[in-house]
Amino acid sequence: MSAQPPTPAAPAEPLSLGEALIPIASLILLVALSFYLFGDAGAKGPNQVALVVATVIALSVARRRGQSMDTLRDAAIASVGSGMGAIFILFAVGALIGTWALSGTLAAMVYYGLQILNPHYFYATTVLICAIVSFAIGSSWTVVGTIGIGLMGIAASMNLDPAITAGAVISGSYFGDKSSPLSDTANLSAATAGADLYAHIKETAISSAVAVAIALAVFWTMGTDVDYQGNAKLAQIDAIFHVTPWHFAPLAVVVALALFKVPPFTTIFAGALVGGVIAVILAPERVAAFAAARDGVPGWIVQIKGVWLALASGYHHASGIAAIDTLVTRGGMERMLDTVWLIIVALAFGGVIEKMGALERLMAPVIAAAKSAVALVASLVGAAIATNIATADQYMAVVLPGRMFKGAFEKRGYAPTVLSRTIGDTATPTGALIPWNSCGAYMAVTLGVATVSYAPWAIFNMVSPLVAIAFAAIGFRMPRTAVSPQAPEAPDGPATGR
């Protein structure tokens, strides 16, 4: 008797609107419950459990509609694989913070910053510094992981609010991530919409200028009137670390490599290694004391052990001066493990959500219902934020909504830059506002402030999507293509952009 051919698997059925909502609503409710029960400590495990449970719920819904477990598993694995670059950058940042603390680079940044910056205008200056550097190198992550941690140390020494400081750092850092031609997300936004890169940069520069002006105005009003006298603290830092301009060599290396567009992991890890070299050259006794090697170990091996330990576990300082010890006891790859765990489970959830078609099912009626320019732009803004929430990845938030809304924007006759600018104004900055998004998780662990604590102060990131909607509402910078729109549009402002 011959074997029967295998029965082909039944095709997966499309999701209903309710089924598409179930996993995403479950995630939001579970994370909200985690925050209620555990507060900021939710990122150390409870949020990860919430994401795993939400993923199981999504798998159950997808299986019920005929999707195979193998297909869903492969989607989850592929999604996690796409985040490996971010995970290695996290490890590099942990290593960098460890050696910069050991070498005295962090202390030097605080030492000179205390002499230059003033509590009266610290927050606004922080935005401006980070905006300039991020535009020059095109990477918010690099700015936050280098200059940002120094600014956080300066703020702590001035007794300024860490959450507000983190919001100011992030606000400035994302200015360049949105509007620099060196930014990977800017290039991706332009490519997704089919827009010329420099036309896209011109448009995002205008919207970014509006958003950063609002952020600067807000932060300018938040300076403290307290006179800060830091002479005693400056003397303490100099007595322990013997600060010299050579301590800035690791920062100079990072900035130079970033300007030459060396990949972020290589750039940041090179900065970590240079920090270790500077520690050995300028403070070999500190490295040896930290290494705590057994007797008889050669001196050069002791130096290697000290730097190695700082790369892996961070630097631990015990001078007896609480403010100094808190400033430089930090870093290490191992301190990034909770965040790596969060990113892995979040990306797995996002891969399953994308494969099961939940986001497409939710977006389709929204696109169909958007009859005016402001409704269309607002729908894209909402879709990009929802994708950042559901997939935990800003690149997915650029590509997926951009791909889905491209036909609608073309049908209305809008130039590709309208689509690309809206994507850039929304997908790029809002990822940092979501605790389980790779961007939000990175900012929180690098700056040492929970996402829910700094998010209200990330003014630039919150205002940017509103600027995109406002431009559509007043018909500003909404250029048309040479081809006439294929469908009538409800009036809500001037028909042509300026």
Protein backbone atom coordinates (compact mmCIF):
# COMPACT_ATOMS: atom_id res chain seq x y z
CA MET A 1 0.00 0.00 0.00
CA SER A 2 1.50 3.32 -1.08
CA ALA A 3 1.92 6.19 1.35
CA GLN A 4 -0.61 8.96 1.15
CA PRO A 5 0.71 12.43 0.32
CA PRO A 6 0.70 14.81 3.29
CA THR A 7 -2.36 16.97 3.65
CA PRO A 8 -1.43 20.59 2.95
CA ALA A 9 -1.82 22.92 5.89
CA ALA A 10 -4.89 25.09 5.81
CA PRO A 11 -4.12 28.71 4.95
CA ALA A 12 -4.12 31.10 7.88
CA GLU A 13 -7.35 33.04 8.24
CA PRO A 14 -7.27 36.84 8.60
CA LEU A 15 -7.67 38.22 12.09
CA SER A 16 -10.79 39.96 13.25
CA LEU A 17 -10.40 43.42 14.74
CA GLY A 18 -10.97 42.03 18.24
CA GLU A 19 -8.37 39.30 17.77
CA ALA A 20 -5.81 41.83 16.56
CA LEU A 21 -6.43 43.92 19.68
CA ILE A 22 -6.16 41.09 22.21
CA PRO A 23 -2.33 40.66 22.39
CA ILE A 24 -1.56 44.39 22.26
CA ALA A 25 -4.18 45.24 24.86
CA SER A 26 -2.91 42.38 27.01
CA LEU A 27 0.63 43.75 26.86
CA ILE A 28 -0.43 47.26 27.83
CA LEU A 29 -2.55 45.99 30.73
CA LEU A 30 0.17 43.65 32.00
CA VAL A 31 2.89 46.30 31.85
CA ALA A 32 0.58 48.79 33.58
CA LEU A 33 -0.05 46.21 36.32
CA SER A 34 3.70 45.60 36.59
CA PHE A 35 4.32 49.31 37.09
CA TYR A 36 1.54 49.51 39.68
CA LEU A 37 2.96 46.58 41.65
CA PHE A 38 6.71 47.09 41.23
CA GLY A 39 7.24 50.70 40.12
CA ASP A 40 10.60 51.41 38.49
CA ALA A 41 11.82 47.94 39.53
CA GLY A 42 9.51 46.47 36.89
CA ALA A 43 12.34 46.64 34.33
CA LYS A 44 14.37 44.17 36.39
CA GLY A 45 12.09 41.22 35.65
CA PRO A 46 8.34 41.86 35.99
CA ASN A 47 8.08 43.68 32.64
CA GLN A 48 9.92 40.82 30.97
CA VAL A 49 7.40 38.36 32.42
CA ALA A 50 4.56 40.56 31.15
CA LEU A 51 6.04 40.45 27.64
CA VAL A 52 6.43 36.67 27.74
CA VAL A 53 2.80 36.23 28.82
CA ALA A 54 1.65 38.66 26.11
CA THR A 55 3.66 36.67 23.56
CA VAL A 56 1.96 33.44 24.65
CA ILE A 57 -1.41 35.15 24.24
CA ALA A 58 -0.43 36.33 20.75
CA LEU A 59 0.71 32.81 19.82
CA SER A 60 -2.62 31.39 20.99
CA VAL A 61 -4.58 33.87 18.86
CA ALA A 62 -2.40 33.21 15.82
CA ARG A 63 -2.62 29.42 16.21
CA ARG A 64 -6.40 29.68 16.46
CA ARG A 65 -6.36 31.39 13.05
CA GLY A 66 -4.27 28.62 11.46
CA GLN A 67 -0.73 29.96 11.70
CA SER A 68 1.85 27.26 12.33
CA MET A 69 4.00 27.31 15.42
CA ASP A 70 7.12 26.85 13.29
CA THR A 71 6.32 29.98 11.28
CA LEU A 72 5.63 32.02 14.39
CA ARG A 73 8.77 30.74 16.08
CA ASP A 74 10.89 31.67 13.06
CA ALA A 75 9.34 35.15 13.04
CA ALA A 76 10.20 35.62 16.72
CA ILE A 77 13.78 34.39 16.18
CA ALA A 78 14.24 36.67 13.16
CA SER A 79 12.95 39.64 15.14
CA VAL A 80 15.32 38.94 18.03
CA GLY A 81 18.14 38.55 15.52
CA SER A 82 17.41 42.00 14.12
CA GLY A 83 18.07 43.45 17.56
CA MET A 84 21.48 41.88 18.10
CA GLY A 85 23.19 45.07 16.94
CA ALA A 86 21.42 47.05 19.66
CA ILE A 87 22.31 44.42 22.26
CA PHE A 88 26.01 44.56 21.41
CA ILE A 89 25.90 48.37 21.54
CA LEU A 90 24.44 48.05 25.04
CA PHE A 91 27.33 45.83 26.09
CA ALA A 92 29.80 48.30 24.57
CA VAL A 93 28.22 51.20 26.47
CA GLY A 94 28.43 49.24 29.72
CA ALA A 95 32.11 48.58 29.05
CA LEU A 96 32.74 52.22 28.16
CA ILE A 97 31.14 53.53 31.35
CA GLY A 98 33.23 51.10 33.40
CA THR A 99 36.61 52.12 31.98
CA TRP A 100 35.72 55.81 31.84
CA ALA A 101 34.86 55.64 35.53
CA LEU A 102 38.12 53.82 36.27
CA SER A 103 40.29 56.15 34.20
CA GLY A 104 38.79 59.37 35.56
CA THR A 105 37.20 60.43 32.26
CA LEU A 106 33.76 60.68 33.88
CA ALA A 107 35.22 62.61 36.79
CA ALA A 108 37.00 64.97 34.36
CA MET A 109 33.76 65.65 32.47
CA VAL A 110 32.08 66.55 35.74
CA TYR A 111 35.09 68.57 36.93
CA TYR A 112 35.18 70.84 33.89
CA GLY A 113 31.41 70.85 33.52
CA LEU A 114 30.98 72.23 37.03
CA GLN A 115 33.22 75.14 36.07
CA ILE A 116 31.43 75.91 32.81
CA LEU A 117 27.76 75.11 33.42
CA ASN A 118 25.43 76.88 35.80
CA PRO A 119 22.26 75.61 37.52
CA HIS A 120 20.39 78.66 36.23
CA TYR A 121 20.54 77.43 32.63
CA PHE A 122 21.83 73.87 32.96
CA TYR A 123 18.83 72.04 31.45
CA ALA A 124 18.59 74.28 28.39
CA THR A 125 22.35 74.11 27.86
CA THR A 126 22.20 70.33 28.08
CA VAL A 127 19.62 70.25 25.27
CA LEU A 128 21.76 72.54 23.13
CA ILE A 129 25.02 70.64 23.67
CA CYS A 130 23.44 67.27 22.90
CA ALA A 131 21.61 68.66 19.86
CA ILE A 132 24.81 70.05 18.33
CA VAL A 133 26.83 66.89 18.90
CA SER A 134 24.04 64.56 17.77
CA PHE A 135 23.61 66.53 14.53
CA ALA A 136 27.36 66.27 13.92
CA ILE A 137 27.52 62.49 14.42
CA GLY A 138 23.90 61.41 13.70
CA SER A 139 23.49 59.07 16.67
CA SER A 140 21.39 59.64 19.78
CA TRP A 141 22.69 56.44 21.38
CA THR A 142 26.33 57.51 21.07
CA VAL A 143 25.62 60.98 22.51
CA VAL A 144 23.62 59.58 25.43
CA GLY A 145 26.25 56.93 26.14
CA THR A 146 29.14 59.42 26.24
CA ILE A 147 28.30 63.09 26.81
CA GLY A 148 24.98 62.17 28.37
CA ILE A 149 26.44 60.24 31.26
CA GLY A 150 28.85 63.11 31.97
CA LEU A 151 25.97 65.59 32.06
CA MET A 152 24.08 63.29 34.42
CA GLY A 153 27.11 63.34 36.73
CA ILE A 154 27.29 67.13 36.61
CA ALA A 155 23.57 67.38 37.42
CA ALA A 156 24.00 65.05 40.38
CA SER A 157 26.86 67.20 41.68
CA MET A 158 24.62 70.29 41.42
CA ASN A 159 21.75 68.47 43.15
CA LEU A 160 19.58 68.85 40.04
CA ASP A 161 16.71 66.51 39.20
CA PRO A 162 18.03 63.39 37.39
CA ALA A 163 14.72 62.77 35.57
CA ILE A 164 14.63 66.30 34.15
CA THR A 165 18.30 66.07 33.22
CA ALA A 166 17.73 62.76 31.42
CA GLY A 167 14.80 64.31 29.56
CA ALA A 168 17.00 67.21 28.47
CA VAL A 169 19.80 64.86 27.34
CA ILE A 170 17.38 62.74 25.34
CA SER A 171 15.61 65.78 23.85
CA GLY A 172 18.87 67.15 22.48
CA SER A 173 20.22 63.77 21.40
CA TYR A 174 17.20 62.97 19.24
CA PHE A 175 17.46 66.27 17.38
CA GLY A 176 20.37 64.88 15.39
CA ASP A 177 18.89 61.41 15.13
CA LYS A 178 15.94 62.98 13.29
CA SER A 179 17.60 65.62 11.16
CA SER A 180 21.23 64.69 10.52
CA PRO A 181 22.13 63.21 7.11
CA LEU A 182 24.45 60.85 9.03
CA SER A 183 21.55 59.30 10.98
CA ASP A 184 20.55 55.76 10.04
CA THR A 185 16.90 56.37 10.92
CA ALA A 186 16.82 59.52 8.77
CA ASN A 187 18.18 57.54 5.84
CA LEU A 188 15.70 54.73 6.50
CA SER A 189 12.74 57.14 6.70
CA ALA A 190 13.67 58.70 3.36
CA ALA A 191 14.18 55.31 1.71
CA THR A 192 10.90 53.92 3.04
CA ALA A 193 8.93 56.87 1.64
CA GLY A 194 10.88 57.01 -1.62
CA ALA A 195 12.06 60.55 -0.82
CA ASP A 196 15.37 62.19 -1.70
CA LEU A 197 17.53 62.15 1.43
CA TYR A 198 18.46 65.83 1.36
CA ALA A 199 14.89 66.89 0.63
CA HIS A 200 13.88 64.78 3.63
CA ILE A 201 16.60 66.35 5.79
CA LYS A 202 15.40 69.82 4.81
CA GLU A 203 11.86 69.01 5.91
CA THR A 204 12.81 67.30 9.16
CA ALA A 205 15.22 70.13 9.97
CA ILE A 206 12.28 72.54 9.91
CA SER A 207 10.03 70.40 12.10
CA SER A 208 12.94 69.55 14.39
CA ALA A 209 13.83 73.23 14.78
CA VAL A 210 10.28 73.95 15.93
CA ALA A 211 10.32 71.05 18.39
CA VAL A 212 13.75 71.85 19.83
CA ALA A 213 12.81 75.53 20.18
CA ILE A 214 9.81 74.50 22.27
CA ALA A 215 12.02 72.18 24.34
CA LEU A 216 14.59 74.94 24.91
CA ALA A 217 11.88 77.37 25.96
CA VAL A 218 10.48 74.88 28.47
CA PHE A 219 13.87 73.95 29.92
CA TRP A 220 14.97 77.58 30.09
CA THR A 221 12.15 78.26 32.55
CA MET A 222 13.24 75.35 34.74
CA GLY A 223 16.65 76.55 35.87
CA THR A 224 17.13 76.78 39.60
CA ASP A 225 17.77 80.07 41.40
CA VAL A 226 20.00 78.39 43.97
CA ASP A 227 23.58 79.61 43.81
CA TYR A 228 25.86 76.63 43.47
CA GLN A 229 29.29 76.78 45.04
CA GLY A 230 31.23 73.77 43.82
CA ASN A 231 34.75 74.65 44.92
CA ALA A 232 34.84 71.99 47.61
CA LYS A 233 33.60 69.31 45.25
CA LEU A 234 36.05 70.40 42.55
CA ALA A 235 38.88 70.08 45.04
CA GLN A 236 37.72 66.61 46.06
CA ILE A 237 37.54 65.40 42.45
CA ASP A 238 40.96 66.81 41.60
CA ALA A 239 42.52 65.35 44.73
CA ILE A 240 41.34 61.84 43.86
CA PHE A 241 41.62 61.81 40.04
CA HIS A 242 44.28 64.50 39.32
CA VAL A 243 42.23 65.77 36.38
CA THR A 244 44.03 66.72 33.15
CA PRO A 245 42.86 67.27 29.56
CA TRP A 246 44.33 63.82 28.73
CA HIS A 247 41.29 62.31 30.43
CA PHE A 248 39.26 63.43 27.41
CA ALA A 249 41.23 61.26 24.97
CA PRO A 250 38.58 58.46 25.02
CA LEU A 251 35.80 60.98 24.29
CA ALA A 252 37.84 62.47 21.42
CA VAL A 253 38.30 58.99 19.94
CA VAL A 254 34.56 58.28 20.11
CA VAL A 255 33.63 61.58 18.46
CA ALA A 256 36.25 61.16 15.74
CA LEU A 257 35.18 57.61 14.88
CA ALA A 258 31.52 58.66 14.85
CA LEU A 259 32.28 61.53 12.46
CA PHE A 260 33.96 59.03 10.15
CA LYS A 261 30.80 56.88 10.33
CA VAL A 262 32.49 53.92 11.98
CA PRO A 263 29.71 51.54 13.16
CA PRO A 264 28.38 52.40 16.64
CA PHE A 265 29.53 49.21 18.37
CA THR A 266 33.07 49.59 17.10
CA THR A 267 33.09 53.29 17.95
CA ILE A 268 31.85 52.84 21.51
CA PHE A 269 33.91 49.76 22.31
CA ALA A 270 37.03 51.48 20.96
CA GLY A 271 36.25 54.32 23.35
CA ALA A 272 36.01 51.77 26.16
CA LEU A 273 39.40 50.27 25.31
CA VAL A 274 41.03 53.70 25.07
CA GLY A 275 39.53 54.48 28.47
CA GLY A 276 41.29 51.40 29.82
CA VAL A 277 44.60 52.48 28.28
CA ILE A 278 44.25 55.97 29.77
CA ALA A 279 43.56 54.41 33.16
CA VAL A 280 46.76 52.37 32.96
CA ILE A 281 48.82 55.38 31.86
CA LEU A 282 47.42 58.04 34.21
CA ALA A 283 46.40 56.01 37.25
CA PRO A 284 48.14 52.60 37.36
CA GLU A 285 47.92 52.56 41.16
CA ARG A 286 44.14 52.94 41.00
CA VAL A 287 43.90 50.13 38.45
CA ALA A 288 46.07 47.88 40.63
CA ALA A 289 44.04 48.61 43.76
CA PHE A 290 40.81 47.86 41.89
CA ALA A 291 42.23 44.61 40.44
CA ALA A 292 43.08 43.31 43.96
CA ALA A 293 45.29 40.62 42.43
CA ARG A 294 47.02 38.03 44.59
CA ASP A 295 50.65 38.44 45.56
CA GLY A 296 53.24 37.48 43.01
CA VAL A 297 51.20 38.39 39.93
CA PRO A 298 53.28 40.48 37.48
CA GLY A 299 52.42 44.18 37.43
CA TRP A 300 51.36 44.25 33.79
CA ILE A 301 48.98 41.33 34.39
CA VAL A 302 47.49 43.24 37.33
CA GLN A 303 46.82 46.21 35.03
CA ILE A 304 45.11 43.97 32.49
CA LYS A 305 42.96 42.43 35.22
CA GLY A 306 41.85 45.84 36.49
CA VAL A 307 40.79 47.06 33.04
CA TRP A 308 39.20 43.70 32.22
CA LEU A 309 37.18 43.84 35.44
CA ALA A 310 36.00 47.37 34.68
CA LEU A 311 34.88 46.28 31.20
CA ALA A 312 32.98 43.30 32.56
CA SER A 313 31.59 44.42 35.92
CA GLY A 314 32.15 48.16 36.09
CA TYR A 315 34.24 50.23 38.44
CA HIS A 316 33.62 50.37 42.20
CA HIS A 317 35.14 53.30 44.06
CA ALA A 318 35.40 53.58 47.84
CA SER A 319 36.92 56.89 48.84
CA GLY A 320 34.58 57.46 51.74
CA ILE A 321 33.14 60.56 50.04
CA ALA A 322 29.60 59.53 49.15
CA ALA A 323 29.10 62.02 46.30
CA ILE A 324 32.32 60.98 44.55
CA ASP A 325 31.74 57.26 45.09
CA THR A 326 28.23 57.51 43.64
CA LEU A 327 29.53 59.43 40.64
CA VAL A 328 32.14 56.88 39.57
CA THR A 329 30.79 53.55 40.85
CA ARG A 330 29.09 52.38 37.70
CA GLY A 331 29.33 50.62 34.36
CA GLY A 332 30.20 47.12 33.19
CA MET A 333 28.66 44.79 30.66
CA GLU A 334 26.90 42.75 33.34
CA ARG A 335 24.79 45.74 34.37
CA MET A 336 23.17 45.66 30.94
CA LEU A 337 21.82 42.11 31.30
CA ASP A 338 18.38 43.09 32.62
CA THR A 339 17.95 45.42 29.66
CA VAL A 340 19.18 42.78 27.21
CA TRP A 341 16.60 40.38 28.64
CA LEU A 342 13.91 43.02 28.18
CA ILE A 343 14.89 43.71 24.57
CA ILE A 344 14.97 40.00 23.65
CA VAL A 345 11.47 39.22 24.92
CA ALA A 346 10.08 42.49 23.54
CA LEU A 347 11.45 41.78 20.06
CA ALA A 348 10.10 38.23 20.19
CA PHE A 349 6.65 39.65 20.95
CA GLY A 350 7.03 42.14 18.09
CA GLY A 351 8.02 39.40 15.63
CA VAL A 352 4.94 37.35 16.47
CA ILE A 353 2.66 40.42 16.26
CA GLU A 354 4.00 41.34 12.84
CA LYS A 355 3.78 37.79 11.49
CA MET A 356 0.20 37.27 12.63
CA GLY A 357 -0.83 40.49 10.86
CA ALA A 358 -2.22 42.24 13.94
CA LEU A 359 -0.85 45.68 13.10
CA GLU A 360 -2.01 45.53 9.49
CA ARG A 361 -5.48 44.56 10.65
CA LEU A 362 -5.60 47.47 13.07
CA MET A 363 -4.22 50.02 10.60
CA ALA A 364 -6.36 49.16 7.57
CA PRO A 365 -9.63 50.70 8.81
CA VAL A 366 -7.77 53.73 10.14
CA ILE A 367 -6.22 54.43 6.73
CA ALA A 368 -9.57 53.98 5.02
CA ALA A 369 -11.26 56.38 7.42
CA ALA A 370 -8.67 59.17 7.08
CA LYS A 371 -10.35 61.57 4.65
CA SER A 372 -8.40 64.78 5.30
CA ALA A 373 -4.73 65.68 5.41
CA VAL A 374 -4.69 66.13 9.17
CA ALA A 375 -6.56 62.85 9.67
CA LEU A 376 -4.11 61.02 7.40
CA VAL A 377 -1.04 62.45 9.15
CA ALA A 378 -2.54 61.86 12.60
CA SER A 379 -3.32 58.27 11.62
CA LEU A 380 0.28 57.71 10.54
CA VAL A 381 1.50 59.25 13.80
CA GLY A 382 -0.75 56.91 15.78
CA ALA A 383 0.33 53.91 13.71
CA ALA A 384 4.03 54.65 14.21
CA ILE A 385 3.58 55.02 17.97
CA ALA A 386 1.52 51.83 18.10
CA THR A 387 4.23 49.98 16.16
CA ASN A 388 6.88 51.25 18.56
CA ILE A 389 4.74 49.92 21.41
CA ALA A 390 3.93 46.58 19.80
CA THR A 391 7.23 45.68 18.14
CA ALA A 392 9.65 47.38 20.59
CA ASP A 393 11.81 48.47 17.67
CA GLN A 394 12.08 51.93 16.10
CA TYR A 395 13.21 50.52 12.75
CA MET A 396 10.00 48.51 12.51
CA ALA A 397 8.11 51.69 13.46
CA VAL A 398 9.73 53.41 10.48
CA VAL A 399 9.33 50.69 7.88
CA LEU A 400 5.98 49.06 8.65
CA PRO A 401 3.71 52.14 8.90
CA GLY A 402 5.67 53.85 6.13
CA ARG A 403 5.08 50.90 3.82
CA MET A 404 1.39 50.71 4.69
CA PHE A 405 0.65 54.45 4.37
CA LYS A 406 2.73 55.09 1.25
CA GLY A 407 -0.11 54.29 -1.14
CA ALA A 408 -2.54 56.53 0.76
CA PHE A 409 -0.16 59.51 0.64
CA GLU A 410 0.49 58.93 -3.06
CA LYS A 411 -3.23 58.66 -3.74
CA ARG A 412 -3.77 62.06 -2.11
CA GLY A 413 -1.01 63.53 -4.25
CA TYR A 414 1.44 64.40 -1.47
CA ALA A 415 5.17 64.55 -2.13
CA PRO A 416 7.19 61.70 -0.60
CA THR A 417 8.80 64.14 1.84
CA VAL A 418 5.46 64.60 3.62
CA LEU A 419 5.39 60.89 4.40
CA SER A 420 9.10 60.66 5.26
CA ARG A 421 8.98 63.73 7.53
CA THR A 422 5.96 62.41 9.42
CA ILE A 423 7.66 59.06 9.92
CA GLY A 424 10.82 60.76 11.13
CA ASP A 425 8.90 63.08 13.44
CA THR A 426 7.17 60.14 15.09
CA ALA A 427 8.84 56.75 14.79
CA THR A 428 12.34 57.92 15.70
CA PRO A 429 11.74 60.01 18.85
CA THR A 430 8.81 58.14 20.43
CA GLY A 431 10.69 54.85 20.85
CA ALA A 432 12.59 56.45 23.73
CA LEU A 433 9.30 57.02 25.59
CA ILE A 434 8.35 53.32 25.80
CA PRO A 435 9.97 51.31 28.61
CA TRP A 436 10.20 48.00 26.74
CA ASN A 437 11.22 49.49 23.41
CA SER A 438 14.92 48.96 22.72
CA CYS A 439 15.42 52.74 22.69
CA GLY A 440 13.57 53.36 25.95
CA ALA A 441 15.37 50.48 27.63
CA TYR A 442 18.76 51.75 26.43
CA MET A 443 18.15 55.31 27.62
CA ALA A 444 16.97 54.12 31.03
CA VAL A 445 19.90 51.81 31.74
CA THR A 446 22.52 54.20 30.35
CA LEU A 447 21.32 57.31 32.18
CA GLY A 448 20.20 55.47 35.31
CA VAL A 449 16.66 56.89 35.23
CA ALA A 450 13.53 54.82 34.59
CA THR A 451 11.74 55.52 31.30
CA VAL A 452 8.48 56.42 33.06
CA SER A 453 10.40 58.96 35.17
CA TYR A 454 12.18 60.81 32.35
CA ALA A 455 9.46 60.49 29.67
CA PRO A 456 7.42 63.54 30.83
CA TRP A 457 10.60 65.63 30.50
CA ALA A 458 11.63 64.36 27.06
CA ILE A 459 9.95 67.43 25.60
CA PHE A 460 11.43 67.18 22.12
CA ASN A 461 10.34 63.56 21.76
CA MET A 462 6.76 64.31 22.83
CA VAL A 463 6.39 67.51 20.82
CA SER A 464 7.78 66.20 17.52
CA PRO A 465 4.69 64.12 16.55
CA LEU A 466 2.44 67.04 17.54
CA VAL A 467 4.44 69.32 15.23
CA ALA A 468 3.82 66.88 12.35
CA ILE A 469 0.07 67.00 13.01
CA ALA A 470 0.11 70.80 13.38
CA PHE A 471 1.87 71.19 10.01
CA ALA A 472 -0.89 69.15 8.38
CA ALA A 473 -3.64 71.06 10.19
CA ILE A 474 -2.44 74.46 8.92
CA GLY A 475 -1.25 73.17 5.55
CA PHE A 476 2.37 74.15 6.22
CA ARG A 477 5.10 72.28 4.32
CA MET A 478 2.62 69.89 2.69
CA PRO A 479 3.86 69.94 -0.93
CA ARG A 480 2.07 68.10 -3.71
CA THR A 481 3.54 66.02 -6.49
CA ALA A 482 3.15 67.01 -10.12
CA VAL A 483 0.42 64.35 -10.43
CA SER A 484 -3.04 65.41 -9.30
CA PRO A 485 -4.59 63.57 -6.36
CA GLN A 486 -6.66 60.56 -7.36
CA ALA A 487 -9.29 61.12 -4.71
CA PRO A 488 -11.03 64.20 -3.31
CA GLU A 489 -9.96 65.35 0.12
CA ALA A 490 -11.96 67.03 2.83
CA PRO A 491 -10.77 70.63 3.32
CA ASP A 492 -8.83 71.29 6.50
CA GLY A 493 -6.33 73.91 5.44
CA PRO A 494 -4.59 75.27 2.37
CA ALA A 495 -4.46 72.78 -0.48
CA THR A 496 -0.82 73.35 -1.27
CA GLY A 497 2.24 73.34 0.91
CA ARG A 498 4.57 76.28 1.36
